[in-house]
Amino acid sequence: MKLLYITPHINGAGGVQRMLSVKLNYFVEHLGYDIVVLFSNERQMTPHFSFHKKIVFHTLDLPHRRGLSYLTKFKKQVTYFVNQEKPDIVLVVDNGLKGTLVPRWIKGTPTLYERHGSIKELPTVGGSVFQKIKNVFVKSPILHLAKQFTAIVVLNEQMKKEWEHKNICVIPNALWFNPKVIEHEKKKKKVIFVGRLTKEKGVDFLLEIWKILYRKFPDWELHVFGENTKEFSLITNKNRNIIHHQPVKNVDEIYDDASLLFLPSRYEGFGMVILEAMAYGIPSIAFNCPVGPSSLIQNGDNGVLVKYANIEEFASKAELLMQDENLRKKLSEKAFETLKSYNVEKIMNQWETLFKQMISNKKK
């Protein structure tokens, strides 16, 4: 089977890029698929995550400025590579508008739309007012155009409800490594945040929460893992016990000795860091934002959900966990049990079944 993926970003250190590398490598190594990837936003850059040497990459040569010329070139190059590669299925992993146009240009080949973000929350995405206004206007066209795909895959049941499509299914992200044996004695008084340092991820909330906590818990540290951005210039602040790290590939460096994960995001498609933290026996505290955290965390059982944007409540719940090691252990053990649903073989079998079904339906 040959799959052709179309995605804007392949070189980043985010959850989408991580899961692309996991899935594509699995498809090649375990299922013997041929994989071709078209990407557009980076040239001559080494991917942050490793990809199997048999995976073929093509960079789409597109102008920097968006407009009719951009769309025309995008269409021309996509159709060229589809005709050249002759894939069994074309998959679009792009939350923007242009990706939803692909089924209009491709006839006779099944197409799949893989959505990693909430369409409901799209109008709130973006740091600038212009970006938010733009997103308001593209939301309806995306919902309409996506109906032309053979199938749509989303990450959880909440996202599924946002779409009207006869063939939509939920396939969550997989835990891509074996869970660790929980060693509570290794845990330090260390809170971690993992993600882009943007408003979307709630870094401004994080700093406000930590401002409340660090005076009460001067022996605790906040370790922030994420590439610095213009939007938030976050640097090491020893007075507040904040230590900033660039993104790392070895997850042991992030999670191995941490005791808590903070996720104060404004919205999450899935919340992969929650799953990763669970695999190290680390309980998470997250805002109950749309739409990911509540699909992974059962409040008070395997983690803590806090009313969205309630900084005082977040700090209060964190305080309870920081001063009660037994409570942290209880949550971490329950979190560990949650992982069974996200076994990589189980998730990849769901993908394989869907692919076979799409090809079978094409032949009818």
Protein backbone atom coordinates (compact mmCIF):
# COMPACT_ATOMS: atom_id res chain seq x y z
CA MET A 1 0.00 0.00 0.00
CA LYS A 2 1.22 3.48 -0.83
CA LEU A 3 0.16 6.53 1.19
CA LEU A 4 0.79 10.15 0.20
CA TYR A 5 0.69 12.68 3.04
CA ILE A 6 0.24 16.43 2.53
CA THR A 7 1.21 18.58 5.51
CA PRO A 8 2.63 22.09 5.97
CA HIS A 9 5.11 21.29 8.74
CA ILE A 10 7.45 18.33 9.13
CA ASN A 11 10.43 19.83 10.95
CA GLY A 12 8.82 21.15 14.13
CA ALA A 13 9.01 19.71 17.64
CA GLY A 14 5.25 19.68 18.25
CA GLY A 15 2.77 16.89 18.84
CA VAL A 16 1.61 16.68 15.21
CA GLN A 17 5.17 16.19 13.96
CA ARG A 18 5.90 13.69 16.73
CA MET A 19 2.86 11.58 15.83
CA LEU A 20 3.58 11.79 12.11
CA SER A 21 7.03 10.33 12.71
CA VAL A 22 5.60 7.60 14.96
CA LYS A 23 2.83 6.58 12.54
CA LEU A 24 4.82 6.80 9.34
CA ASN A 25 7.75 4.87 10.78
CA TYR A 26 5.35 2.19 12.07
CA PHE A 27 3.63 1.90 8.68
CA VAL A 28 6.98 1.34 6.97
CA GLU A 29 8.59 -0.95 9.56
CA HIS A 30 5.62 -3.11 10.58
CA LEU A 31 3.17 -2.96 7.67
CA GLY A 32 5.57 -2.53 4.74
CA TYR A 33 3.80 0.55 3.36
CA ASP A 34 5.38 2.96 0.91
CA ILE A 35 5.14 6.52 2.26
CA VAL A 36 5.48 9.82 0.40
CA VAL A 37 5.26 13.17 2.21
CA LEU A 38 4.64 16.56 0.60
CA PHE A 39 5.43 19.52 2.84
CA SER A 40 5.64 23.22 2.22
CA ASN A 41 6.87 25.37 5.07
CA GLU A 42 10.47 24.38 5.60
CA ARG A 43 13.40 23.89 3.27
CA GLN A 44 16.82 22.38 3.93
CA MET A 45 16.07 21.70 7.56
CA THR A 46 16.68 18.52 9.52
CA PRO A 47 13.48 17.17 11.11
CA HIS A 48 13.42 17.33 14.91
CA PHE A 49 12.07 13.76 15.02
CA SER A 50 13.53 10.85 13.08
CA PHE A 51 11.84 9.40 10.00
CA HIS A 52 12.55 6.05 8.36
CA LYS A 53 15.04 6.25 5.50
CA LYS A 54 12.52 4.65 3.10
CA ILE A 55 10.07 7.55 3.50
CA VAL A 56 10.20 9.87 0.47
CA PHE A 57 9.93 13.64 1.06
CA HIS A 58 9.09 16.31 -1.50
CA THR A 59 9.20 20.02 -0.70
CA LEU A 60 6.47 22.06 -2.35
CA ASP A 61 7.96 25.21 -3.86
CA LEU A 62 5.40 27.83 -2.82
CA PRO A 63 5.62 31.65 -2.58
CA HIS A 64 5.87 33.23 0.87
CA ARG A 65 2.83 35.44 0.37
CA ARG A 66 -0.58 33.76 0.42
CA GLY A 67 -3.01 34.50 -2.40
CA LEU A 68 -4.20 33.22 -5.75
CA SER A 69 -0.66 32.55 -6.98
CA TYR A 70 0.06 30.51 -3.84
CA LEU A 71 -3.10 28.42 -4.26
CA THR A 72 -2.50 27.89 -7.99
CA LYS A 73 1.03 26.60 -7.37
CA PHE A 74 -0.14 24.44 -4.47
CA LYS A 75 -2.79 22.80 -6.69
CA LYS A 76 -0.37 22.30 -9.57
CA GLN A 77 2.30 20.65 -7.43
CA VAL A 78 -0.09 18.48 -5.44
CA THR A 79 -1.73 17.11 -8.59
CA TYR A 80 1.69 16.57 -10.18
CA PHE A 81 2.97 14.46 -7.30
CA VAL A 82 -0.28 12.52 -6.96
CA ASN A 83 -0.12 11.62 -10.67
CA GLN A 84 3.58 10.84 -10.36
CA GLU A 85 3.41 8.70 -7.21
CA LYS A 86 -0.01 7.08 -7.81
CA PRO A 87 -0.83 6.49 -4.12
CA ASP A 88 -3.64 4.26 -2.89
CA ILE A 89 -4.76 6.98 -0.45
CA VAL A 90 -4.02 10.71 -0.14
CA LEU A 91 -4.01 12.02 3.45
CA VAL A 92 -4.19 15.70 4.36
CA VAL A 93 -2.79 16.72 7.77
CA ASP A 94 -3.40 20.47 7.63
CA ASN A 95 -5.78 22.50 9.78
CA GLY A 96 -5.84 25.34 7.26
CA LEU A 97 -8.22 26.02 4.38
CA LYS A 98 -6.02 25.04 1.44
CA GLY A 99 -5.76 21.38 2.47
CA THR A 100 -9.54 20.95 2.31
CA LEU A 101 -9.44 21.77 -1.40
CA VAL A 102 -7.41 18.67 -2.26
CA PRO A 103 -10.39 16.31 -2.94
CA ARG A 104 -11.66 18.75 -5.59
CA TRP A 105 -8.42 18.28 -7.55
CA ILE A 106 -7.99 14.53 -7.17
CA LYS A 107 -10.38 12.11 -8.80
CA GLY A 108 -10.36 8.35 -8.40
CA THR A 109 -8.12 8.25 -5.32
CA PRO A 110 -9.57 7.99 -1.79
CA THR A 111 -8.77 11.04 0.35
CA LEU A 112 -8.56 11.29 4.14
CA TYR A 113 -8.63 14.43 6.28
CA GLU A 114 -6.72 14.04 9.54
CA ARG A 115 -7.73 16.85 11.91
CA HIS A 116 -5.57 17.62 14.96
CA GLY A 117 -7.35 20.73 16.17
CA SER A 118 -10.86 21.79 17.14
CA ILE A 119 -12.74 23.50 14.31
CA LYS A 120 -15.09 24.95 16.92
CA GLU A 121 -12.21 26.84 18.52
CA LEU A 122 -10.62 27.96 15.24
CA PRO A 123 -11.82 31.61 15.51
CA THR A 124 -9.84 32.00 18.74
CA VAL A 125 -6.59 30.66 17.26
CA GLY A 126 -3.77 33.07 16.51
CA GLY A 127 -2.00 35.85 18.30
CA SER A 128 -3.02 38.76 16.03
CA VAL A 129 -6.44 40.29 15.56
CA PHE A 130 -6.05 39.79 11.79
CA GLN A 131 -5.41 36.07 12.23
CA LYS A 132 -8.48 35.67 14.43
CA ILE A 133 -10.69 37.56 11.95
CA LYS A 134 -9.32 35.42 9.13
CA ASN A 135 -10.10 32.24 11.06
CA VAL A 136 -13.71 33.35 11.58
CA PHE A 137 -14.17 33.52 7.80
CA VAL A 138 -12.44 30.22 6.93
CA LYS A 139 -14.27 28.10 9.51
CA SER A 140 -17.46 27.61 7.43
CA PRO A 141 -15.61 26.85 4.15
CA ILE A 142 -13.47 24.24 5.94
CA LEU A 143 -16.56 22.52 7.36
CA HIS A 144 -18.20 22.54 3.92
CA LEU A 145 -15.18 21.46 1.86
CA ALA A 146 -14.22 18.67 4.26
CA LYS A 147 -17.42 16.82 3.31
CA GLN A 148 -15.72 15.90 0.02
CA PHE A 149 -13.12 13.73 1.72
CA THR A 150 -13.66 9.98 1.65
CA ALA A 151 -13.11 9.91 5.41
CA ILE A 152 -12.25 12.20 8.31
CA VAL A 153 -10.24 11.17 11.37
CA VAL A 154 -10.30 13.18 14.60
CA LEU A 155 -8.66 12.59 17.97
CA ASN A 156 -11.61 12.34 20.35
CA GLU A 157 -15.39 12.18 20.64
CA GLN A 158 -15.73 15.90 21.40
CA MET A 159 -14.10 16.78 18.08
CA LYS A 160 -16.25 14.23 16.25
CA LYS A 161 -19.39 16.15 17.25
CA GLU A 162 -18.09 19.25 15.46
CA TRP A 163 -18.29 17.65 11.99
CA GLU A 164 -21.12 16.55 9.72
CA HIS A 165 -19.67 13.70 7.70
CA LYS A 166 -21.00 10.26 6.87
CA ASN A 167 -17.61 8.62 7.39
CA ILE A 168 -15.91 10.18 10.41
CA CYS A 169 -14.09 8.16 13.03
CA VAL A 170 -12.07 8.71 16.18
CA ILE A 171 -8.50 7.43 16.25
CA PRO A 172 -6.55 8.95 19.15
CA ASN A 173 -2.83 9.47 19.28
CA ALA A 174 -0.83 6.48 20.45
CA LEU A 175 1.65 6.27 23.28
CA TRP A 176 4.76 5.80 21.20
CA PHE A 177 7.04 4.32 23.86
CA ASN A 178 6.73 1.63 26.53
CA PRO A 179 5.47 2.97 29.89
CA LYS A 180 8.13 3.25 32.55
CA VAL A 181 8.14 1.44 35.87
CA ILE A 182 7.05 4.07 38.36
CA GLU A 183 9.92 4.87 40.72
CA HIS A 184 8.49 7.33 43.23
CA GLU A 185 11.80 7.62 45.06
CA LYS A 186 13.32 9.24 41.93
CA LYS A 187 10.75 12.00 41.86
CA LYS A 188 11.96 15.49 42.70
CA LYS A 189 10.05 18.58 43.74
CA LYS A 190 9.78 19.45 40.10
CA VAL A 191 6.84 20.72 38.04
CA ILE A 192 7.09 20.55 34.25
CA PHE A 193 5.44 22.37 31.36
CA VAL A 194 6.00 20.98 27.86
CA GLY A 195 4.90 22.79 24.71
CA ARG A 196 5.19 25.86 22.51
CA LEU A 197 5.67 29.05 24.47
CA THR A 198 2.60 30.73 23.04
CA LYS A 199 -0.65 32.21 24.24
CA GLU A 200 -2.46 29.16 22.87
CA LYS A 201 -0.58 26.99 25.36
CA GLY A 202 -1.36 29.37 28.22
CA VAL A 203 2.18 30.37 29.10
CA ASP A 204 0.84 33.65 30.47
CA PHE A 205 -1.47 31.65 32.75
CA LEU A 206 1.46 29.43 33.74
CA LEU A 207 3.55 32.35 34.95
CA GLU A 208 0.63 33.76 36.95
CA ILE A 209 0.02 30.38 38.57
CA TRP A 210 3.68 29.93 39.43
CA LYS A 211 3.84 33.45 40.90
CA ILE A 212 1.31 32.25 43.50
CA LEU A 213 3.05 28.94 44.17
CA TYR A 214 6.78 29.59 44.27
CA ARG A 215 6.67 31.73 47.42
CA LYS A 216 4.82 28.98 49.29
CA PHE A 217 7.04 26.23 47.91
CA PRO A 218 10.55 27.69 47.56
CA ASP A 219 12.07 24.20 47.34
CA TRP A 220 10.06 23.36 44.19
CA GLU A 221 11.16 24.17 40.63
CA LEU A 222 9.22 24.83 37.44
CA HIS A 223 10.95 23.37 34.37
CA VAL A 224 9.67 24.74 31.06
CA PHE A 225 10.44 22.72 27.91
CA GLY A 226 9.74 24.60 24.69
CA GLU A 227 11.36 26.69 22.01
CA ASN A 228 11.35 30.39 22.83
CA THR A 229 9.09 32.60 20.74
CA LYS A 230 8.68 36.30 20.02
CA GLU A 231 5.26 36.14 21.62
CA PHE A 232 6.69 35.04 24.95
CA SER A 233 10.31 35.71 25.78
CA LEU A 234 10.66 33.24 28.62
CA ILE A 235 14.10 32.91 30.13
CA THR A 236 15.51 31.31 33.24
CA ASN A 237 14.36 33.20 36.30
CA LYS A 238 16.24 31.94 39.36
CA ASN A 239 14.29 34.14 41.71
CA ARG A 240 11.14 32.26 40.83
CA ASN A 241 12.80 28.87 40.42
CA ILE A 242 11.95 28.72 36.70
CA ILE A 243 14.33 26.75 34.48
CA HIS A 244 13.88 27.00 30.72
CA HIS A 245 14.95 24.16 28.36
CA GLN A 246 14.95 23.97 24.59
CA PRO A 247 12.94 21.06 23.10
CA VAL A 248 14.65 17.71 23.60
CA LYS A 249 14.25 14.40 21.74
CA ASN A 250 14.90 12.16 24.74
CA VAL A 251 11.71 12.21 26.80
CA ASP A 252 13.56 10.78 29.82
CA GLU A 253 15.16 14.20 30.19
CA ILE A 254 11.71 15.76 30.52
CA TYR A 255 9.67 13.36 32.60
CA ASP A 256 11.94 10.96 34.47
CA ASP A 257 12.22 12.79 37.80
CA ALA A 258 9.23 15.16 37.59
CA SER A 259 6.32 15.05 40.05
CA LEU A 260 3.64 17.15 38.31
CA LEU A 261 2.70 18.36 34.83
CA PHE A 262 0.94 21.72 34.38
CA LEU A 263 -1.15 22.23 31.23
CA PRO A 264 -2.89 25.65 31.35
CA SER A 265 -3.76 25.69 27.62
CA ARG A 266 -6.51 27.74 26.06
CA TYR A 267 -7.30 24.81 23.75
CA GLU A 268 -5.81 21.41 22.98
CA GLY A 269 -6.57 19.01 20.15
CA PHE A 270 -5.45 16.06 22.23
CA GLY A 271 -2.87 16.90 24.89
CA MET A 272 -0.14 14.39 24.02
CA VAL A 273 2.02 15.58 26.91
CA ILE A 274 -0.64 14.34 29.35
CA LEU A 275 -0.33 10.83 27.91
CA GLU A 276 3.47 11.00 27.99
CA ALA A 277 3.41 12.18 31.60
CA MET A 278 1.05 9.33 32.55
CA ALA A 279 3.59 6.86 31.17
CA TYR A 280 6.07 8.16 33.75
CA GLY A 281 3.55 8.09 36.58
CA ILE A 282 3.20 11.88 36.61
CA PRO A 283 -0.27 13.31 37.38
CA SER A 284 -1.40 16.32 35.35
CA ILE A 285 -3.30 19.45 36.28
CA ALA A 286 -5.00 21.04 33.28
CA PHE A 287 -7.59 23.64 32.47
CA ASN A 288 -10.77 22.00 31.20
CA CYS A 289 -10.33 23.72 27.86
CA PRO A 290 -11.65 22.57 24.48
CA VAL A 291 -11.24 19.77 23.67
CA GLY A 292 -8.39 17.42 24.58
CA PRO A 293 -7.69 17.29 28.32
CA SER A 294 -11.12 16.01 29.35
CA SER A 295 -10.78 13.04 26.98
CA LEU A 296 -7.68 11.89 28.90
CA ILE A 297 -8.22 13.13 32.46
CA GLN A 298 -11.00 11.92 34.74
CA ASN A 299 -11.02 14.66 37.33
CA GLY A 300 -9.80 13.50 40.73
CA ASP A 301 -9.15 9.97 39.48
CA ASN A 302 -6.11 10.04 37.19
CA GLY A 303 -5.42 13.78 37.22
CA VAL A 304 -7.04 17.13 37.90
CA LEU A 305 -9.22 19.30 35.67
CA VAL A 306 -9.72 22.95 36.61
CA LYS A 307 -12.37 25.38 35.38
CA TYR A 308 -10.95 27.14 32.34
CA ALA A 309 -8.90 30.29 33.07
CA ASN A 310 -9.44 30.08 36.84
CA ILE A 311 -5.87 30.78 37.91
CA GLU A 312 -6.64 30.76 41.65
CA GLU A 313 -8.32 27.36 41.50
CA PHE A 314 -5.46 25.94 39.43
CA ALA A 315 -2.93 27.17 42.01
CA SER A 316 -5.08 25.82 44.86
CA LYS A 317 -5.31 22.33 43.31
CA ALA A 318 -1.59 22.39 42.59
CA GLU A 319 -0.88 23.34 46.18
CA LEU A 320 -2.80 20.29 47.45
CA LEU A 321 -0.75 17.97 45.25
CA MET A 322 2.57 19.63 45.95
CA GLN A 323 2.17 19.12 49.69
CA ASP A 324 0.64 15.61 49.55
CA GLU A 325 2.94 12.95 48.13
CA ASN A 326 0.43 10.15 48.80
CA LEU A 327 -2.20 11.92 46.73
CA ARG A 328 0.29 12.30 43.88
CA LYS A 329 1.04 8.57 44.07
CA LYS A 330 -2.66 7.68 44.01
CA LEU A 331 -3.30 9.78 40.90
CA SER A 332 -0.16 8.52 39.17
CA GLU A 333 -1.15 4.87 39.62
CA LYS A 334 -4.60 5.53 38.15
CA ALA A 335 -3.02 7.50 35.31
CA PHE A 336 -0.81 4.51 34.54
CA GLU A 337 -3.91 2.32 34.07
CA THR A 338 -5.32 4.79 31.49
CA LEU A 339 -2.50 3.97 29.09
CA LYS A 340 -3.95 0.62 28.00
CA SER A 341 -6.37 2.38 25.66
CA TYR A 342 -3.49 4.09 23.82
CA ASN A 343 -1.26 1.10 23.07
CA VAL A 344 0.57 1.76 19.80
CA GLU A 345 -0.28 -1.60 18.20
CA LYS A 346 -3.97 -1.12 19.05
CA ILE A 347 -4.06 2.37 17.53
CA MET A 348 -2.13 1.37 14.40
CA ASN A 349 -4.50 -1.55 13.84
CA GLN A 350 -7.33 0.98 13.73
CA TRP A 351 -5.49 2.91 11.02
CA GLU A 352 -4.79 -0.25 9.03
CA THR A 353 -8.44 -1.31 9.21
CA LEU A 354 -9.59 2.12 8.01
CA PHE A 355 -7.14 2.14 5.07
CA LYS A 356 -8.26 -1.31 3.92
CA GLN A 357 -11.89 -0.28 4.22
CA MET A 358 -11.34 2.85 2.13
CA ILE A 359 -9.63 0.89 -0.65
CA SER A 360 -12.26 -1.85 -0.53
CA ASN A 361 -15.07 0.70 -0.85
CA LYS A 362 -13.33 2.27 -3.86
CA LYS A 363 -13.43 -1.07 -5.71
CA LYS A 364 -17.17 -1.50 -5.20
